[in-house]
Protein backbone atom coordinates (compact mmCIF):
# COMPACT_ATOMS: atom_id res chain seq x y z
CA UNK A 1 14.59 -2.11 0.82
CA UNK A 2 16.77 0.99 1.25
CA UNK A 3 19.72 -1.11 2.44
CA UNK A 4 19.28 -3.46 -0.50
CA UNK A 5 19.18 -0.48 -2.86
CA UNK A 6 22.45 0.84 -1.45
CA UNK A 7 24.07 -2.57 -1.87
CA UNK A 8 22.96 -2.83 -5.50
CA UNK A 9 24.07 0.72 -6.23
CA UNK A 10 27.53 0.04 -4.78
CA UNK A 11 27.79 -2.79 -7.33
CA UNK A 12 26.54 -0.42 -10.06
CA UNK A 13 23.36 -2.47 -10.48
CA UNK A 14 21.38 0.73 -10.89
CA UNK A 15 18.19 -0.75 -12.31
CA UNK A 16 17.81 -3.21 -9.43
CA UNK A 17 18.66 -0.46 -6.94
CA UNK A 18 15.90 1.66 -8.41
CA UNK A 19 13.42 -1.16 -8.04
CA UNK A 20 14.28 -1.53 -4.36
CA UNK A 21 13.86 2.20 -3.78
CA UNK A 22 10.46 2.09 -5.48
CA UNK A 23 9.47 -0.80 -3.23
CA UNK A 24 10.52 1.28 -0.22
CA UNK A 25 8.05 3.95 -1.31
CA UNK A 26 5.30 1.44 -2.01
CA UNK A 27 5.82 -0.28 1.36
CA UNK A 28 4.17 2.70 2.99
CA UNK A 29 2.09 4.85 0.69
CA UNK A 30 1.59 7.30 3.56
CA UNK A 31 5.22 8.46 3.60
CA UNK A 32 4.12 11.76 2.11
CA UNK A 33 1.87 12.44 5.09
CA UNK A 34 3.31 10.55 8.05
CA UNK A 35 7.07 10.41 7.54
CA UNK A 36 8.26 13.11 5.21
CA UNK A 37 11.81 12.83 6.50
CA UNK A 38 12.03 9.23 5.29
CA UNK A 39 10.24 10.12 2.09
CA UNK A 40 12.74 12.91 1.37
CA UNK A 41 15.59 10.48 2.05
CA UNK A 42 14.18 8.05 -0.51
CA UNK A 43 13.60 10.82 -3.05
CA UNK A 44 17.18 12.00 -2.60
CA UNK A 45 18.53 8.49 -3.16
CA UNK A 46 16.30 8.01 -6.19
CA UNK A 47 17.65 11.27 -7.60
CA UNK A 48 21.27 10.20 -7.12
CA UNK A 49 20.51 6.82 -8.66
CA UNK A 50 18.84 8.39 -11.70
CA UNK A 51 21.83 10.71 -12.08
CA UNK A 52 24.15 7.70 -12.10
CA UNK A 53 21.93 6.19 -14.80
CA UNK A 54 22.28 9.48 -16.76
CA UNK A 55 18.54 10.15 -16.52
CA UNK A 56 19.21 13.73 -15.59
CA UNK A 57 15.77 15.29 -16.04
CA UNK A 58 14.16 12.62 -13.88
CA UNK A 59 16.95 13.00 -11.34
CA UNK A 60 16.32 16.75 -11.05
CA UNK A 61 12.62 16.22 -10.43
CA UNK A 62 13.30 13.80 -7.57
CA UNK A 63 16.02 15.96 -6.04
CA UNK A 64 14.02 19.17 -6.28
CA UNK A 65 11.08 17.49 -4.57
CA UNK A 66 13.41 16.21 -1.85
CA UNK A 67 14.91 19.69 -1.45
CA UNK A 68 11.52 21.32 -0.94
CA UNK A 69 10.64 18.81 1.77
CA UNK A 70 14.01 19.11 3.48
CA UNK A 71 13.87 22.90 3.43
CA UNK A 72 10.49 22.72 5.17
CA UNK A 73 11.53 20.07 7.71
CA UNK A 74 15.15 20.93 8.47
CA UNK A 75 15.80 24.43 7.16
CA UNK A 76 18.28 25.79 4.64
CA UNK A 77 21.29 25.45 6.95
CA UNK A 78 20.92 21.71 7.60
CA UNK A 79 23.09 18.81 6.48
CA UNK A 80 20.06 17.23 4.83
CA UNK A 81 19.48 20.35 2.75
CA UNK A 82 23.19 20.49 1.83
CA UNK A 83 23.15 16.83 0.75
CA UNK A 84 20.36 17.44 -1.73
CA UNK A 85 21.87 20.73 -2.96
CA UNK A 86 25.03 18.78 -3.70
CA UNK A 87 23.05 16.25 -5.71
CA UNK A 88 21.35 18.99 -7.73
CA UNK A 89 24.67 20.74 -8.32
CA UNK A 90 26.17 17.53 -9.68
CA UNK A 91 23.26 17.03 -12.08
CA UNK A 92 23.59 20.57 -13.40
CA UNK A 93 27.33 20.02 -13.85
CA UNK A 94 26.75 16.83 -15.83
CA UNK A 95 24.28 18.53 -18.18
CA UNK A 96 26.57 21.50 -18.74
CA UNK A 97 24.66 24.10 -16.70
CA UNK A 98 27.61 25.00 -14.53
CA UNK A 99 26.44 28.49 -13.62
CA UNK A 100 23.51 26.82 -11.86
CA UNK A 101 25.78 24.11 -10.43
CA UNK A 102 27.99 26.76 -8.83
CA UNK A 103 25.00 28.28 -7.02
CA UNK A 104 24.20 24.96 -5.38
CA UNK A 105 27.80 24.07 -4.58
CA UNK A 106 28.24 27.48 -2.92
CA UNK A 107 25.25 26.74 -0.69
CA UNK A 108 26.76 23.38 0.24
CA UNK A 109 30.13 24.95 1.00
CA UNK A 110 28.63 27.56 3.32
CA UNK A 111 26.65 24.95 5.25
CA UNK A 112 29.60 22.56 5.55
CA UNK A 113 31.91 25.27 6.83
CA UNK A 114 29.39 26.07 9.53
CA UNK A 115 28.69 22.43 10.39
CA UNK A 116 32.19 20.95 10.17
CA UNK A 117 34.62 23.86 10.23
CA UNK A 118 36.79 25.02 7.34
CA UNK A 119 39.35 22.18 7.52
CA UNK A 120 37.10 19.17 7.05
CA UNK A 121 37.39 16.67 4.14
CA UNK A 122 33.74 17.29 3.22
CA UNK A 123 34.65 20.92 2.60
CA UNK A 124 37.56 19.79 0.42
CA UNK A 125 35.25 17.53 -1.58
CA UNK A 126 32.86 20.41 -2.26
CA UNK A 127 35.76 22.64 -3.29
CA UNK A 128 36.66 20.01 -5.90
CA UNK A 129 33.08 20.17 -7.19
CA UNK A 130 33.35 23.95 -7.40
CA UNK A 131 36.64 23.63 -9.28
CA UNK A 132 35.06 21.22 -11.78
CA UNK A 133 32.35 23.75 -12.59
CA UNK A 134 34.80 26.64 -12.79
CA UNK A 135 36.90 24.62 -15.24
CA UNK A 136 33.84 23.79 -17.33
CA UNK A 137 33.24 27.55 -17.59
CA UNK A 138 36.92 28.13 -18.54
CA UNK A 139 37.46 29.96 -15.24
CA UNK A 140 40.65 28.05 -14.54
CA UNK A 141 42.18 30.52 -12.09
CA UNK A 142 39.13 30.30 -9.84
CA UNK A 143 39.25 26.52 -10.15
CA UNK A 144 42.92 26.43 -9.20
CA UNK A 145 42.18 28.57 -6.16
CA UNK A 146 39.49 26.14 -5.00
CA UNK A 147 41.77 23.16 -5.62
CA UNK A 148 44.63 24.75 -3.68
CA UNK A 149 42.32 25.33 -0.74
CA UNK A 150 41.21 21.69 -0.91
CA UNK A 151 44.83 20.55 -1.09
CA UNK A 152 45.71 22.60 2.00
CA UNK A 153 42.80 21.08 3.93
CA UNK A 154 43.91 17.57 3.02
CA UNK A 155 47.48 17.91 4.24
CA UNK A 156 46.26 16.08 7.35
CA UNK A 157 44.76 13.34 5.14
CA UNK A 158 47.64 12.46 2.75
CA UNK A 159 46.00 9.26 1.50
CA UNK A 160 42.56 10.74 0.92
CA UNK A 161 41.01 9.66 -2.41
CA UNK A 162 39.81 13.25 -2.75
CA UNK A 163 43.44 14.22 -3.38
CA UNK A 164 43.42 12.06 -6.51
CA UNK A 165 40.85 14.46 -7.99
CA UNK A 166 42.66 17.51 -6.60
CA UNK A 167 45.96 16.56 -8.23
CA UNK A 168 44.45 15.52 -11.56
CA UNK A 169 42.27 18.61 -11.89
CA UNK A 170 45.18 20.85 -10.85
CA UNK A 171 47.35 19.31 -13.58
CA UNK A 172 44.61 19.83 -16.16
CA UNK A 173 43.91 23.43 -15.14
CA UNK A 174 47.57 24.43 -15.13
CA UNK A 175 47.95 22.83 -18.57
CA UNK A 176 45.04 24.89 -19.88
CA UNK A 177 46.78 28.01 -18.56
CA UNK A 178 50.10 26.86 -20.10
CA UNK A 179 51.70 26.50 -16.69
CA UNK A 180 53.49 23.34 -17.67
CA UNK A 181 55.91 23.06 -14.73
CA UNK A 182 53.07 23.12 -12.22
CA UNK A 183 51.07 20.80 -14.45
CA UNK A 184 53.94 18.28 -14.42
CA UNK A 185 54.28 18.65 -10.66
CA UNK A 186 50.64 17.80 -10.05
CA UNK A 187 50.63 15.03 -12.64
CA UNK A 188 53.54 13.48 -10.75
CA UNK A 189 51.73 13.83 -7.42
CA UNK A 190 48.66 12.25 -8.99
CA UNK A 191 50.64 9.31 -10.36
CA UNK A 192 52.34 8.70 -7.02
CA UNK A 193 49.08 8.70 -5.05
CA UNK A 194 47.20 6.57 -7.60
CA UNK A 195 49.96 3.95 -7.51
CA UNK A 196 49.82 3.93 -3.73
CA UNK A 197 46.02 3.66 -3.50
CA UNK A 198 45.07 1.64 -6.58
CA UNK A 199 48.19 0.19 -8.19
CA UNK A 200 49.42 0.55 -11.75
CA UNK A 201 46.31 -0.80 -13.49
CA UNK A 202 43.27 1.37 -12.86
CA UNK A 203 41.08 3.96 -14.53
CA UNK A 204 42.80 6.62 -12.43
CA UNK A 205 46.18 5.58 -13.81
CA UNK A 206 44.75 5.77 -17.33
CA UNK A 207 43.67 9.32 -16.51
CA UNK A 208 47.25 10.04 -15.47
CA UNK A 209 48.62 8.79 -18.76
CA UNK A 210 46.10 11.00 -20.55
CA UNK A 211 47.07 14.16 -18.68
CA UNK A 212 50.79 13.48 -19.11
CA UNK A 213 50.20 13.05 -22.83
CA UNK A 214 48.15 16.25 -22.86
CA UNK A 215 50.97 18.18 -21.16
CA UNK A 216 53.54 16.90 -23.67
CA UNK A 217 51.28 17.77 -26.59
CA UNK A 218 50.49 21.29 -25.38
CA UNK A 219 54.11 21.99 -24.44
CA UNK A 220 55.51 20.96 -27.81
């Protein structure tokens, strides 16, 4: 059931994915008592699924329950704990509670640096999440710092999709700070990478057109 749920979610069939996850729970009503690790895994996936369906309050309930179980089973320095903290941070970001999101992303970052080292793509991905929340709080300089660190990490991964977000968010943040030359530089890097990875017709390319238009408007 879990594998089927993942397949449906990858196709954005969120309702069907949710049904499969519920069946996974119902297949063994004793998960709570006999296999809390599996139960926490299902709760975490249900939370992510509900977030993708924009059912944020329900998502938080699932993720917070998963976090409590994972803290008890694995501790607060585990990958499992970090995974659920990341999910909670994303929900808080989507509902505009970025001060809370930052707390969770900071926890994830600390765990990942210990687990993977400071130059791992997972660390870069979390730095992008931090930058998103900083930007939402109008703390663009802090966001740019996080994005630059992510960019430096990904020099060994020049075709990483994470760089698409790094370049786009860097262009936006520099535009907000009226640093138009740097904004244009990152918009150009974003366009180049998007064309390489996804071609000329994609949502990412539409985002590029938007940021280039934004730069021109703000500069004029």
